Amino acid sequence: MTVADFIMDWERETRTGVPEAVFCAGKTLDDIAAIVAAARAQDRPLLLTRLSPDAWASLPEANRAGLDYDARSRTACLGRRNAGPASPRSVVIVAAGTSDLGVALEAQRTLWFHSIDAPLIADVGVAGLWRLMSRIEDIRRHDVVIAVAGMEGALFSVLAGLVKAPVIAVPTSVGYGVAAGGQAALSSALASCSPGIATVNIDGGFSAATLAKKILGISSSKT
């Protein structure tokens, strides 16, 4: 495949409510540069995910200009989606530990790109349950909760047993040994006895954010 072979799905938002994003892992620098240039030429906002710091630093300066890059989440934003009417609904992101912040920030940045400002409550894992309970009233104020956790993923079940909002579980690849790169947290989310949990793939901050956006869109249309 040559750089000229990429085909952007600019109409995806019309069909699905969520515009196409660019998954940068596996793409060459020329691929990424050409896609960003195409978006600029059409004056289209663009979200890039899994853009490593090394790849970012290696992009031509002309491509990096005007891109809002965050190294920890490995995301870059070319502009931001139009907000449209303000939604009465809100999302909160809850991260078990600071080791989960890269994935949590991917979710937060994805929501920001879609003009949804979601607060991030971090380091409230259940190993010190008092930390979560000290913030639980703040969490309960929101209509959707994105929960991000690795290790054994206990945060998902605990949160879902404490809030009325749907919980989107994001297992992360954080943990030792049998945590198995997020498999243990994924199994915990899928096997939870707490109702109201939707689960996305391991390290899927982008997927959780787009699901939250769709939930907010459905809720807003019915108010």
N, C-alpha and C. Protein backbone atom coordinates (compact mmCIF):
# COMPACT_ATOMS: atom_id res chain seq x y z
N MET A 1 0.83 -1.19 0.00
CA MET A 1 0.00 0.00 0.00
C MET A 1 0.87 1.25 0.00
N THR A 2 0.52 2.23 -0.79
CA THR A 2 1.21 3.50 -0.80
C THR A 2 0.42 4.50 0.02
N VAL A 3 1.08 5.61 0.33
CA VAL A 3 0.42 6.65 1.11
C VAL A 3 -0.87 7.10 0.44
N ALA A 4 -0.89 7.15 -0.89
CA ALA A 4 -2.06 7.66 -1.61
C ALA A 4 -3.26 6.74 -1.53
N ASP A 5 -3.08 5.53 -0.98
CA ASP A 5 -4.16 4.54 -0.97
C ASP A 5 -5.16 4.72 0.16
N PHE A 6 -4.90 5.57 1.16
CA PHE A 6 -5.84 5.67 2.28
C PHE A 6 -7.13 6.36 1.82
N ILE A 7 -8.23 5.93 2.41
CA ILE A 7 -9.55 6.51 2.10
C ILE A 7 -10.20 6.87 3.41
N MET A 8 -10.37 8.15 3.66
CA MET A 8 -11.00 8.60 4.89
C MET A 8 -12.53 8.48 4.79
N ASP A 9 -13.13 8.06 5.86
CA ASP A 9 -14.59 7.91 5.93
C ASP A 9 -15.18 9.17 6.55
N TRP A 10 -15.19 10.24 5.79
CA TRP A 10 -15.63 11.53 6.33
C TRP A 10 -17.13 11.53 6.68
N GLU A 11 -17.89 10.63 6.13
CA GLU A 11 -19.34 10.60 6.39
C GLU A 11 -19.71 9.70 7.56
N ARG A 12 -18.74 9.15 8.25
CA ARG A 12 -19.05 8.20 9.33
C ARG A 12 -19.90 8.86 10.42
N GLU A 13 -19.62 10.11 10.73
CA GLU A 13 -20.39 10.78 11.79
C GLU A 13 -21.86 10.89 11.41
N THR A 14 -22.15 11.14 10.14
CA THR A 14 -23.54 11.22 9.70
C THR A 14 -24.26 9.89 9.91
N ARG A 15 -23.54 8.78 9.64
CA ARG A 15 -24.15 7.46 9.78
C ARG A 15 -24.24 6.99 11.21
N THR A 16 -23.19 7.27 12.00
CA THR A 16 -23.07 6.62 13.30
C THR A 16 -23.09 7.57 14.49
N GLY A 17 -22.94 8.86 14.24
CA GLY A 17 -22.86 9.81 15.34
C GLY A 17 -21.46 10.02 15.87
N VAL A 18 -20.49 9.25 15.36
CA VAL A 18 -19.10 9.37 15.81
C VAL A 18 -18.20 9.44 14.59
N PRO A 19 -17.40 10.50 14.44
CA PRO A 19 -16.54 10.60 13.25
C PRO A 19 -15.39 9.61 13.29
N GLU A 20 -14.80 9.36 12.14
CA GLU A 20 -13.64 8.49 12.06
C GLU A 20 -12.46 9.09 12.82
N ALA A 21 -11.75 8.24 13.54
CA ALA A 21 -10.50 8.64 14.17
C ALA A 21 -9.37 7.85 13.52
N VAL A 22 -8.16 8.31 13.70
CA VAL A 22 -7.01 7.68 13.06
C VAL A 22 -6.19 6.92 14.10
N PHE A 23 -6.14 5.60 13.98
CA PHE A 23 -5.33 4.74 14.84
C PHE A 23 -3.92 4.72 14.24
N CYS A 24 -2.97 5.34 14.93
CA CYS A 24 -1.65 5.58 14.33
C CYS A 24 -0.68 4.41 14.46
N ALA A 25 -0.89 3.52 15.41
CA ALA A 25 0.03 2.38 15.56
C ALA A 25 0.01 1.55 14.29
N GLY A 26 1.18 1.24 13.77
CA GLY A 26 1.28 0.45 12.55
C GLY A 26 1.34 1.28 11.28
N LYS A 27 1.01 2.56 11.37
CA LYS A 27 1.11 3.43 10.20
C LYS A 27 2.51 4.03 10.13
N THR A 28 2.96 4.30 8.92
CA THR A 28 4.25 4.97 8.75
C THR A 28 4.07 6.46 9.00
N LEU A 29 5.20 7.15 9.19
CA LEU A 29 5.14 8.60 9.35
C LEU A 29 4.56 9.26 8.12
N ASP A 30 4.86 8.73 6.94
CA ASP A 30 4.30 9.28 5.71
C ASP A 30 2.78 9.11 5.68
N ASP A 31 2.30 7.94 6.15
CA ASP A 31 0.85 7.73 6.22
C ASP A 31 0.19 8.79 7.09
N ILE A 32 0.73 8.95 8.29
CA ILE A 32 0.13 9.89 9.25
C ILE A 32 0.17 11.31 8.72
N ALA A 33 1.32 11.69 8.16
CA ALA A 33 1.47 13.05 7.63
C ALA A 33 0.48 13.31 6.50
N ALA A 34 0.28 12.33 5.63
CA ALA A 34 -0.64 12.50 4.51
C ALA A 34 -2.08 12.62 5.00
N ILE A 35 -2.45 11.84 6.02
CA ILE A 35 -3.81 11.89 6.54
C ILE A 35 -4.08 13.24 7.21
N VAL A 36 -3.12 13.72 8.00
CA VAL A 36 -3.28 15.04 8.64
C VAL A 36 -3.39 16.13 7.58
N ALA A 37 -2.57 16.04 6.54
CA ALA A 37 -2.62 17.04 5.46
C ALA A 37 -3.97 17.01 4.76
N ALA A 38 -4.54 15.82 4.56
CA ALA A 38 -5.84 15.71 3.91
C ALA A 38 -6.94 16.33 4.76
N ALA A 39 -6.86 16.13 6.08
CA ALA A 39 -7.85 16.74 6.98
C ALA A 39 -7.73 18.26 6.96
N ARG A 40 -6.50 18.76 6.97
CA ARG A 40 -6.30 20.21 6.92
C ARG A 40 -6.84 20.79 5.61
N ALA A 41 -6.60 20.09 4.52
CA ALA A 41 -7.03 20.59 3.21
C ALA A 41 -8.55 20.74 3.14
N GLN A 42 -9.27 19.89 3.89
CA GLN A 42 -10.73 19.96 3.89
C GLN A 42 -11.28 20.66 5.13
N ASP A 43 -10.38 21.22 5.93
CA ASP A 43 -10.76 21.96 7.14
C ASP A 43 -11.62 21.08 8.05
N ARG A 44 -11.16 19.86 8.28
CA ARG A 44 -11.90 18.92 9.12
C ARG A 44 -11.14 18.65 10.41
N PRO A 45 -11.84 18.68 11.54
CA PRO A 45 -11.20 18.25 12.79
C PRO A 45 -10.82 16.78 12.69
N LEU A 46 -9.78 16.39 13.42
CA LEU A 46 -9.31 15.01 13.33
C LEU A 46 -8.73 14.59 14.67
N LEU A 47 -9.07 13.38 15.10
CA LEU A 47 -8.51 12.80 16.31
C LEU A 47 -7.56 11.68 15.93
N LEU A 48 -6.35 11.72 16.46
CA LEU A 48 -5.37 10.66 16.24
C LEU A 48 -5.11 9.96 17.56
N THR A 49 -5.17 8.62 17.57
CA THR A 49 -4.91 7.86 18.78
C THR A 49 -3.68 6.98 18.59
N ARG A 50 -3.12 6.55 19.71
CA ARG A 50 -1.93 5.69 19.73
C ARG A 50 -0.79 6.27 18.89
N LEU A 51 -0.61 7.57 19.02
CA LEU A 51 0.50 8.26 18.36
C LEU A 51 1.62 8.37 19.39
N SER A 52 2.64 7.55 19.25
CA SER A 52 3.71 7.48 20.25
C SER A 52 4.51 8.78 20.27
N PRO A 53 5.14 9.08 21.41
CA PRO A 53 5.99 10.28 21.47
C PRO A 53 7.09 10.28 20.41
N ASP A 54 7.67 9.12 20.12
CA ASP A 54 8.72 9.06 19.10
C ASP A 54 8.16 9.39 17.72
N ALA A 55 6.98 8.84 17.41
CA ALA A 55 6.37 9.13 16.12
C ALA A 55 6.00 10.60 16.02
N TRP A 56 5.46 11.14 17.11
CA TRP A 56 5.10 12.56 17.14
C TRP A 56 6.33 13.44 16.87
N ALA A 57 7.41 13.14 17.57
CA ALA A 57 8.62 13.94 17.42
C ALA A 57 9.22 13.82 16.03
N SER A 58 8.94 12.71 15.33
CA SER A 58 9.52 12.48 14.01
C SER A 58 8.67 13.03 12.88
N LEU A 59 7.45 13.46 13.17
CA LEU A 59 6.62 14.05 12.13
C LEU A 59 7.21 15.38 11.66
N PRO A 60 7.04 15.73 10.40
CA PRO A 60 7.51 17.03 9.94
C PRO A 60 6.87 18.15 10.74
N GLU A 61 7.61 19.21 10.95
CA GLU A 61 7.10 20.33 11.75
C GLU A 61 5.79 20.88 11.18
N ALA A 62 5.67 20.88 9.87
CA ALA A 62 4.45 21.39 9.24
C ALA A 62 3.23 20.57 9.64
N ASN A 63 3.43 19.27 9.87
CA ASN A 63 2.32 18.41 10.29
C ASN A 63 1.98 18.59 11.76
N ARG A 64 3.00 18.84 12.56
CA ARG A 64 2.77 19.01 14.00
C ARG A 64 2.14 20.36 14.32
N ALA A 65 2.33 21.34 13.48
CA ALA A 65 1.79 22.67 13.74
C ALA A 65 0.27 22.61 13.83
N GLY A 66 -0.26 23.16 14.91
CA GLY A 66 -1.71 23.19 15.07
C GLY A 66 -2.31 21.94 15.66
N LEU A 67 -1.50 20.91 15.87
CA LEU A 67 -1.99 19.69 16.51
C LEU A 67 -1.79 19.79 18.02
N ASP A 68 -2.82 19.48 18.78
CA ASP A 68 -2.75 19.45 20.24
C ASP A 68 -2.36 18.03 20.64
N TYR A 69 -1.12 17.85 21.09
CA TYR A 69 -0.61 16.50 21.38
C TYR A 69 -0.44 16.30 22.87
N ASP A 70 -0.82 15.11 23.34
CA ASP A 70 -0.61 14.73 24.73
C ASP A 70 0.14 13.39 24.75
N ALA A 71 1.33 13.39 25.32
CA ALA A 71 2.19 12.22 25.26
C ALA A 71 1.67 11.06 26.11
N ARG A 72 1.10 11.37 27.28
CA ARG A 72 0.68 10.27 28.16
C ARG A 72 -0.49 9.49 27.57
N SER A 73 -1.42 10.18 26.94
CA SER A 73 -2.55 9.48 26.32
C SER A 73 -2.25 9.05 24.90
N ARG A 74 -1.16 9.55 24.34
CA ARG A 74 -0.75 9.26 22.96
C ARG A 74 -1.84 9.67 21.97
N THR A 75 -2.43 10.84 22.21
CA THR A 75 -3.46 11.37 21.32
C THR A 75 -3.06 12.74 20.80
N ALA A 76 -3.57 13.05 19.61
CA ALA A 76 -3.39 14.38 19.04
C ALA A 76 -4.72 14.81 18.44
N CYS A 77 -5.04 16.08 18.60
CA CYS A 77 -6.30 16.62 18.09
C CYS A 77 -6.01 17.75 17.12
N LEU A 78 -6.57 17.64 15.95
CA LEU A 78 -6.56 18.74 14.99
C LEU A 78 -7.92 19.41 15.10
N GLY A 79 -7.99 20.46 15.89
CA GLY A 79 -9.27 21.11 16.13
C GLY A 79 -10.13 20.31 17.10
N ARG A 80 -11.40 20.70 17.15
CA ARG A 80 -12.36 20.09 18.08
C ARG A 80 -13.73 20.12 17.42
N ARG A 81 -14.55 19.10 17.68
CA ARG A 81 -15.88 19.05 17.07
C ARG A 81 -16.73 20.20 17.59
N ASN A 82 -17.67 20.67 16.77
CA ASN A 82 -18.61 21.68 17.23
C ASN A 82 -19.46 21.11 18.36
N ALA A 83 -19.65 21.90 19.40
CA ALA A 83 -20.37 21.41 20.56
C ALA A 83 -21.85 21.21 20.29
N GLY A 84 -22.45 22.08 19.48
CA GLY A 84 -23.89 21.99 19.28
C GLY A 84 -24.61 22.40 20.56
N PRO A 85 -25.89 22.05 20.69
CA PRO A 85 -26.63 22.39 21.92
C PRO A 85 -25.99 21.73 23.13
N ALA A 86 -25.92 22.47 24.23
CA ALA A 86 -25.32 21.92 25.44
C ALA A 86 -26.13 20.74 25.96
N SER A 87 -25.45 19.66 26.29
CA SER A 87 -26.13 18.48 26.81
C SER A 87 -26.37 18.64 28.31
N PRO A 88 -27.55 18.28 28.79
CA PRO A 88 -27.79 18.32 30.23
C PRO A 88 -27.14 17.14 30.95
N ARG A 89 -26.59 16.20 30.20
CA ARG A 89 -25.99 14.99 30.77
C ARG A 89 -24.47 15.13 30.85
N SER A 90 -23.85 14.33 31.73
CA SER A 90 -22.40 14.45 31.91
C SER A 90 -21.77 13.09 32.14
N VAL A 91 -20.45 13.06 31.91
CA VAL A 91 -19.63 11.86 32.06
C VAL A 91 -18.53 12.15 33.07
N VAL A 92 -18.20 11.15 33.88
CA VAL A 92 -17.04 11.24 34.76
C VAL A 92 -16.16 10.02 34.49
N ILE A 93 -14.85 10.23 34.55
CA ILE A 93 -13.88 9.14 34.36
C ILE A 93 -13.22 8.87 35.71
N VAL A 94 -13.23 7.61 36.11
CA VAL A 94 -12.68 7.20 37.41
C VAL A 94 -11.57 6.20 37.15
N ALA A 95 -10.36 6.52 37.60
CA ALA A 95 -9.21 5.65 37.38
C ALA A 95 -8.74 5.05 38.70
N ALA A 96 -8.50 3.74 38.70
CA ALA A 96 -8.10 3.06 39.93
C ALA A 96 -6.75 3.57 40.44
N GLY A 97 -5.78 3.68 39.55
CA GLY A 97 -4.44 4.09 39.97
C GLY A 97 -3.80 5.03 38.97
N THR A 98 -2.71 5.65 39.35
CA THR A 98 -2.02 6.55 38.42
C THR A 98 -1.41 5.77 37.26
N SER A 99 -1.17 4.47 37.44
CA SER A 99 -0.67 3.66 36.32
C SER A 99 -1.71 3.51 35.22
N ASP A 100 -2.97 3.74 35.55
CA ASP A 100 -4.06 3.64 34.56
C ASP A 100 -4.33 4.96 33.84
N LEU A 101 -3.56 5.99 34.16
CA LEU A 101 -3.89 7.32 33.66
C LEU A 101 -3.75 7.46 32.15
N GLY A 102 -2.82 6.74 31.52
CA GLY A 102 -2.68 6.85 30.07
C GLY A 102 -3.97 6.49 29.37
N VAL A 103 -4.62 5.40 29.81
CA VAL A 103 -5.87 4.97 29.21
C VAL A 103 -7.00 5.92 29.59
N ALA A 104 -7.03 6.34 30.85
CA ALA A 104 -8.06 7.28 31.30
C ALA A 104 -7.99 8.59 30.53
N LEU A 105 -6.77 9.05 30.29
CA LEU A 105 -6.60 10.31 29.55
C LEU A 105 -6.98 10.15 28.07
N GLU A 106 -6.78 8.96 27.51
CA GLU A 106 -7.25 8.73 26.15
C GLU A 106 -8.77 8.91 26.09
N ALA A 107 -9.47 8.39 27.08
CA ALA A 107 -10.92 8.58 27.14
C ALA A 107 -11.27 10.05 27.31
N GLN A 108 -10.59 10.73 28.21
CA GLN A 108 -10.89 12.14 28.46
C GLN A 108 -10.61 13.00 27.24
N ARG A 109 -9.51 12.73 26.57
CA ARG A 109 -9.15 13.52 25.38
C ARG A 109 -10.12 13.24 24.22
N THR A 110 -10.56 12.00 24.10
CA THR A 110 -11.54 11.68 23.06
C THR A 110 -12.83 12.43 23.31
N LEU A 111 -13.28 12.47 24.56
CA LEU A 111 -14.49 13.22 24.88
C LEU A 111 -14.28 14.71 24.64
N TRP A 112 -13.11 15.22 25.01
CA TRP A 112 -12.82 16.64 24.78
C TRP A 112 -12.91 16.97 23.29
N PHE A 113 -12.37 16.09 22.45
CA PHE A 113 -12.44 16.30 21.00
C PHE A 113 -13.89 16.44 20.54
N HIS A 114 -14.79 15.72 21.21
CA HIS A 114 -16.21 15.79 20.88
C HIS A 114 -16.94 16.86 21.69
N SER A 115 -16.18 17.80 22.27
CA SER A 115 -16.73 18.93 23.03
C SER A 115 -17.48 18.49 24.27
N ILE A 116 -17.03 17.40 24.88
CA ILE A 116 -17.57 16.95 26.16
C ILE A 116 -16.44 17.03 27.19
N ASP A 117 -16.60 17.89 28.17
CA ASP A 117 -15.57 18.07 29.18
C ASP A 117 -15.86 17.16 30.37
N ALA A 118 -15.13 16.07 30.46
CA ALA A 118 -15.36 15.06 31.49
C ALA A 118 -14.29 15.16 32.58
N PRO A 119 -14.68 15.36 33.83
CA PRO A 119 -13.69 15.37 34.90
C PRO A 119 -13.07 13.99 35.09
N LEU A 120 -11.85 13.97 35.57
CA LEU A 120 -11.12 12.72 35.81
C LEU A 120 -10.79 12.63 37.29
N ILE A 121 -11.29 11.57 37.93
CA ILE A 121 -11.00 11.31 39.34
C ILE A 121 -10.05 10.13 39.38
N ALA A 122 -8.83 10.36 39.83
CA ALA A 122 -7.78 9.34 39.72
C ALA A 122 -7.32 8.84 41.08
N ASP A 123 -6.71 7.66 41.07
CA ASP A 123 -6.09 7.04 42.24
C ASP A 123 -7.12 6.76 43.34
N VAL A 124 -8.23 6.14 42.94
CA VAL A 124 -9.28 5.80 43.90
C VAL A 124 -9.57 4.29 43.85
N GLY A 125 -8.53 3.50 43.67
CA GLY A 125 -8.70 2.05 43.62
C GLY A 125 -9.15 1.48 44.95
N VAL A 126 -9.69 0.27 44.90
CA VAL A 126 -10.34 -0.29 46.09
C VAL A 126 -9.36 -0.83 47.13
N ALA A 127 -8.07 -0.85 46.85
CA ALA A 127 -7.11 -1.26 47.87
C ALA A 127 -7.14 -0.31 49.06
N GLY A 128 -7.51 0.93 48.81
CA GLY A 128 -7.77 1.91 49.87
C GLY A 128 -9.17 2.44 49.66
N LEU A 129 -10.19 1.68 50.08
CA LEU A 129 -11.57 1.99 49.73
C LEU A 129 -12.00 3.37 50.18
N TRP A 130 -11.38 3.88 51.23
CA TRP A 130 -11.74 5.21 51.72
C TRP A 130 -11.50 6.28 50.65
N ARG A 131 -10.53 6.06 49.76
CA ARG A 131 -10.25 7.05 48.71
C ARG A 131 -11.43 7.16 47.75
N LEU A 132 -11.99 6.01 47.39
CA LEU A 132 -13.17 6.02 46.52
C LEU A 132 -14.37 6.60 47.23
N MET A 133 -14.58 6.21 48.47
CA MET A 133 -15.76 6.67 49.20
C MET A 133 -15.71 8.17 49.47
N SER A 134 -14.52 8.72 49.57
CA SER A 134 -14.40 10.17 49.79
C SER A 134 -14.82 10.97 48.56
N ARG A 135 -14.88 10.30 47.38
CA ARG A 135 -15.27 10.99 46.15
C ARG A 135 -16.59 10.48 45.57
N ILE A 136 -17.25 9.57 46.28
CA ILE A 136 -18.40 8.91 45.68
C ILE A 136 -19.54 9.88 45.38
N GLU A 137 -19.75 10.89 46.19
CA GLU A 137 -20.83 11.85 45.92
C GLU A 137 -20.52 12.66 44.66
N ASP A 138 -19.26 12.97 44.44
CA ASP A 138 -18.87 13.65 43.20
C ASP A 138 -19.17 12.77 41.99
N ILE A 139 -18.89 11.48 42.12
CA ILE A 139 -19.13 10.55 41.01
C ILE A 139 -20.61 10.40 40.74
N ARG A 140 -21.42 10.35 41.79
CA ARG A 140 -22.86 10.14 41.66
C ARG A 140 -23.57 11.29 40.95
N ARG A 141 -22.93 12.43 40.83
CA ARG A 141 -23.56 13.57 40.15
C ARG A 141 -23.64 13.39 38.64
N HIS A 142 -22.96 12.40 38.10
CA HIS A 142 -22.84 12.25 36.66
C HIS A 142 -23.75 11.13 36.12
N ASP A 143 -24.02 11.22 34.82
CA ASP A 143 -24.98 10.31 34.19
C ASP A 143 -24.34 9.06 33.60
N VAL A 144 -23.04 9.12 33.33
CA VAL A 144 -22.29 7.97 32.82
C VAL A 144 -20.94 7.95 33.55
N VAL A 145 -20.52 6.77 33.97
CA VAL A 145 -19.23 6.61 34.64
C VAL A 145 -18.34 5.72 33.78
N ILE A 146 -17.18 6.22 33.42
CA ILE A 146 -16.15 5.40 32.78
C ILE A 146 -15.16 5.00 33.86
N ALA A 147 -15.05 3.70 34.12
CA ALA A 147 -14.16 3.19 35.16
C ALA A 147 -12.97 2.51 34.51
N VAL A 148 -11.77 2.91 34.92
CA VAL A 148 -10.53 2.42 34.30
C VAL A 148 -9.69 1.74 35.36
N ALA A 149 -9.42 0.45 35.16
CA ALA A 149 -8.67 -0.29 36.19
C ALA A 149 -7.95 -1.48 35.59
N GLY A 150 -6.79 -1.77 36.16
CA GLY A 150 -6.04 -2.97 35.80
C GLY A 150 -6.06 -3.95 36.97
N MET A 151 -4.95 -4.64 37.19
CA MET A 151 -4.86 -5.65 38.25
C MET A 151 -6.04 -6.61 38.17
N GLU A 152 -6.84 -6.72 39.26
CA GLU A 152 -7.98 -7.64 39.28
C GLU A 152 -9.29 -6.97 38.87
N GLY A 153 -9.25 -5.64 38.60
CA GLY A 153 -10.43 -4.95 38.10
C GLY A 153 -11.59 -4.86 39.08
N ALA A 154 -11.31 -4.86 40.37
CA ALA A 154 -12.39 -4.84 41.36
C ALA A 154 -13.18 -3.54 41.33
N LEU A 155 -12.56 -2.47 40.86
CA LEU A 155 -13.24 -1.17 40.85
C LEU A 155 -14.57 -1.22 40.10
N PHE A 156 -14.65 -2.01 39.04
CA PHE A 156 -15.86 -2.04 38.22
C PHE A 156 -17.07 -2.48 39.03
N SER A 157 -16.95 -3.60 39.72
CA SER A 157 -18.06 -4.13 40.51
C SER A 157 -18.41 -3.21 41.67
N VAL A 158 -17.40 -2.69 42.35
CA VAL A 158 -17.66 -1.81 43.49
C VAL A 158 -18.41 -0.56 43.04
N LEU A 159 -17.94 0.07 41.99
CA LEU A 159 -18.60 1.29 41.50
C LEU A 159 -20.03 1.01 41.06
N ALA A 160 -20.23 -0.06 40.31
CA ALA A 160 -21.56 -0.36 39.81
C ALA A 160 -22.54 -0.65 40.94
N GLY A 161 -22.02 -1.06 42.09
CA GLY A 161 -22.87 -1.29 43.25
C GLY A 161 -23.14 -0.05 44.07
N LEU A 162 -22.57 1.08 43.65
CA LEU A 162 -22.70 2.33 44.42
C LEU A 162 -23.38 3.46 43.66
N VAL A 163 -23.53 3.34 42.34
CA VAL A 163 -24.06 4.46 41.55
C VAL A 163 -25.25 4.01 40.71
N LYS A 164 -26.12 4.96 40.37
CA LYS A 164 -27.26 4.68 39.50
C LYS A 164 -26.86 4.70 38.03
N ALA A 165 -25.81 5.42 37.70
CA ALA A 165 -25.40 5.60 36.31
C ALA A 165 -24.85 4.30 35.73
N PRO A 166 -24.97 4.11 34.40
CA PRO A 166 -24.28 2.99 33.78
C PRO A 166 -22.77 3.16 33.93
N VAL A 167 -22.10 2.04 34.13
CA VAL A 167 -20.64 2.04 34.27
C VAL A 167 -20.03 1.38 33.04
N ILE A 168 -19.13 2.11 32.39
CA ILE A 168 -18.38 1.55 31.27
C ILE A 168 -17.02 1.12 31.80
N ALA A 169 -16.78 -0.18 31.82
CA ALA A 169 -15.54 -0.72 32.36
C ALA A 169 -14.46 -0.75 31.29
N VAL A 170 -13.30 -0.22 31.64
CA VAL A 170 -12.14 -0.25 30.75
C VAL A 170 -11.01 -0.99 31.46
N PRO A 171 -10.85 -2.28 31.21
CA PRO A 171 -9.73 -2.99 31.80
C PRO A 171 -8.42 -2.52 31.18
N THR A 172 -7.40 -2.38 32.00
CA THR A 172 -6.11 -1.95 31.47
C THR A 172 -5.08 -3.07 31.61
N SER A 173 -4.01 -2.94 30.87
CA SER A 173 -2.94 -3.95 30.87
C SER A 173 -1.96 -3.75 32.01
N VAL A 174 -2.40 -3.10 33.08
CA VAL A 174 -1.57 -2.86 34.25
C VAL A 174 -1.66 -4.04 35.21
N GLY A 175 -0.52 -4.53 35.68
CA GLY A 175 -0.54 -5.59 36.67
C GLY A 175 0.58 -6.59 36.50
N TYR A 176 0.77 -7.41 37.51
CA TYR A 176 1.81 -8.43 37.52
C TYR A 176 1.26 -9.79 37.08
N GLY A 177 2.14 -10.67 36.66
CA GLY A 177 1.87 -12.09 36.53
C GLY A 177 0.53 -12.45 35.93
N VAL A 178 -0.35 -13.05 36.75
CA VAL A 178 -1.62 -13.56 36.25
C VAL A 178 -2.60 -12.45 35.86
N ALA A 179 -2.24 -11.20 36.12
CA ALA A 179 -3.05 -10.11 35.56
C ALA A 179 -3.05 -10.20 34.04
N ALA A 180 -2.00 -10.80 33.50
CA ALA A 180 -1.94 -11.23 32.10
C ALA A 180 -2.28 -10.14 31.11
N GLY A 181 -1.67 -8.97 31.30
CA GLY A 181 -1.85 -7.90 30.32
C GLY A 181 -3.27 -7.40 30.21
N GLY A 182 -4.03 -7.49 31.30
CA GLY A 182 -5.40 -6.98 31.31
C GLY A 182 -6.46 -8.06 31.23
N GLN A 183 -6.07 -9.30 31.00
CA GLN A 183 -7.05 -10.38 30.86
C GLN A 183 -7.82 -10.61 32.17
N ALA A 184 -7.13 -10.52 33.31
CA ALA A 184 -7.82 -10.72 34.59
C ALA A 184 -8.86 -9.63 34.82
N ALA A 185 -8.50 -8.37 34.54
CA ALA A 185 -9.45 -7.27 34.72
C ALA A 185 -10.62 -7.38 33.74
N LEU A 186 -10.33 -7.82 32.53
CA LEU A 186 -11.39 -8.02 31.54
C LEU A 186 -12.37 -9.10 32.02
N SER A 187 -11.84 -10.22 32.49
CA SER A 187 -12.70 -11.29 32.99
C SER A 187 -13.52 -10.82 34.18
N SER A 188 -12.91 -10.04 35.06
CA SER A 188 -13.63 -9.51 36.21
C SER A 188 -14.80 -8.63 35.79
N ALA A 189 -14.56 -7.78 34.80
CA ALA A 189 -15.64 -6.91 34.31
C ALA A 189 -16.76 -7.73 33.69
N LEU A 190 -16.41 -8.72 32.89
CA LEU A 190 -17.43 -9.52 32.21
C LEU A 190 -18.19 -10.43 33.17
N ALA A 191 -17.52 -10.87 34.25
CA ALA A 191 -18.14 -11.80 35.19
C ALA A 191 -18.76 -11.11 36.39
N SER A 192 -18.77 -9.79 36.41
CA SER A 192 -19.24 -9.05 37.58
C SER A 192 -20.70 -9.40 37.92
N CYS A 193 -20.97 -9.47 39.23
CA CYS A 193 -22.35 -9.69 39.68
C CYS A 193 -23.10 -8.37 39.81
N SER A 194 -22.41 -7.23 39.68
CA SER A 194 -23.08 -5.93 39.75
C SER A 194 -23.72 -5.62 38.41
N PRO A 195 -25.03 -5.31 38.39
CA PRO A 195 -25.68 -5.01 37.11
C PRO A 195 -25.31 -3.62 36.60
N GLY A 196 -25.48 -3.42 35.30
CA GLY A 196 -25.29 -2.10 34.73
C GLY A 196 -23.89 -1.79 34.27
N ILE A 197 -23.09 -2.82 33.99
CA ILE A 197 -21.72 -2.63 33.51
C ILE A 197 -21.64 -3.01 32.04
N ALA A 198 -21.12 -2.09 31.23
CA ALA A 198 -20.75 -2.39 29.85
C ALA A 198 -19.24 -2.43 29.78
N THR A 199 -18.68 -3.35 29.04
CA THR A 199 -17.24 -3.56 29.04
C THR A 199 -16.66 -3.38 27.64
N VAL A 200 -15.58 -2.62 27.55
CA VAL A 200 -14.87 -2.46 26.29
C VAL A 200 -13.55 -3.21 26.36
N ASN A 201 -12.82 -3.18 25.28
CA ASN A 201 -11.59 -3.96 25.17
C ASN A 201 -10.49 -3.42 26.10
N ILE A 202 -9.48 -4.24 26.32
CA ILE A 202 -8.35 -3.86 27.16
C ILE A 202 -7.68 -2.59 26.62
N ASP A 203 -7.47 -1.63 27.52
CA ASP A 203 -6.85 -0.33 27.19
C ASP A 203 -7.71 0.49 26.23
N GLY A 204 -9.00 0.21 26.14
CA GLY A 204 -9.87 0.87 25.17
C GLY A 204 -10.46 2.18 25.64
N GLY A 205 -9.62 3.14 25.99
CA GLY A 205 -10.13 4.45 26.41
C GLY A 205 -10.95 5.13 25.33
N PHE A 206 -10.49 5.03 24.08
CA PHE A 206 -11.22 5.62 22.95
C PHE A 206 -12.60 4.97 22.83
N SER A 207 -12.66 3.64 22.92
CA SER A 207 -13.94 2.94 22.77
C SER A 207 -14.91 3.33 23.87
N ALA A 208 -14.42 3.45 25.11
CA ALA A 208 -15.29 3.84 26.21
C ALA A 208 -15.85 5.24 26.01
N ALA A 209 -15.00 6.15 25.53
CA ALA A 209 -15.45 7.52 25.32
C ALA A 209 -16.51 7.61 24.24
N THR A 210 -16.33 6.87 23.15
CA THR A 210 -17.32 6.94 22.08
C THR A 210 -18.64 6.31 22.51
N LEU A 211 -18.58 5.25 23.32
CA LEU A 211 -19.81 4.67 23.85
C LEU A 211 -20.51 5.67 24.77
N ALA A 212 -19.74 6.34 25.63
CA ALA A 212 -20.33 7.35 26.51
C ALA A 212 -20.98 8.47 25.71
N LYS A 213 -20.33 8.90 24.64
CA LYS A 213 -20.90 9.95 23.78
C LYS A 213 -22.23 9.51 23.21
N LYS A 214 -22.31 8.26 22.75
CA LYS A 214 -23.57 7.77 22.18
C LYS A 214 -24.67 7.68 23.25
N ILE A 215 -24.31 7.26 24.46
CA ILE A 215 -25.29 7.20 25.55
C ILE A 215 -25.82 8.61 25.85
N LEU A 216 -24.93 9.57 25.92
CA LEU A 216 -25.34 10.95 26.18
C LEU A 216 -26.25 11.46 25.07
N GLY A 217 -25.93 11.10 23.82
CA GLY A 217 -26.74 11.54 22.70
C GLY A 217 -28.15 10.98 22.77
N ILE A 218 -28.29 9.72 23.14
CA ILE A 218 -29.61 9.11 23.27
C ILE A 218 -30.37 9.76 24.42
N SER A 219 -29.69 9.97 25.56
CA SER A 219 -30.35 10.56 26.72
C SER A 219 -30.80 11.98 26.44
N SER A 220 -29.95 12.76 25.75
CA SER A 220 -30.28 14.14 25.45
C SER A 220 -31.47 14.25 24.50
N SER A 221 -31.56 13.32 23.57
CA SER A 221 -32.65 13.38 22.59
C SER A 221 -34.00 13.07 23.21
N LYS A 222 -34.00 12.49 24.40
CA LYS A 222 -35.25 12.11 25.06
C LYS A 222 -35.64 13.08 26.17
N THR A 223 -34.84 14.13 26.37
CA THR A 223 -35.19 15.09 27.43
C THR A 223 -36.05 16.20 26.87
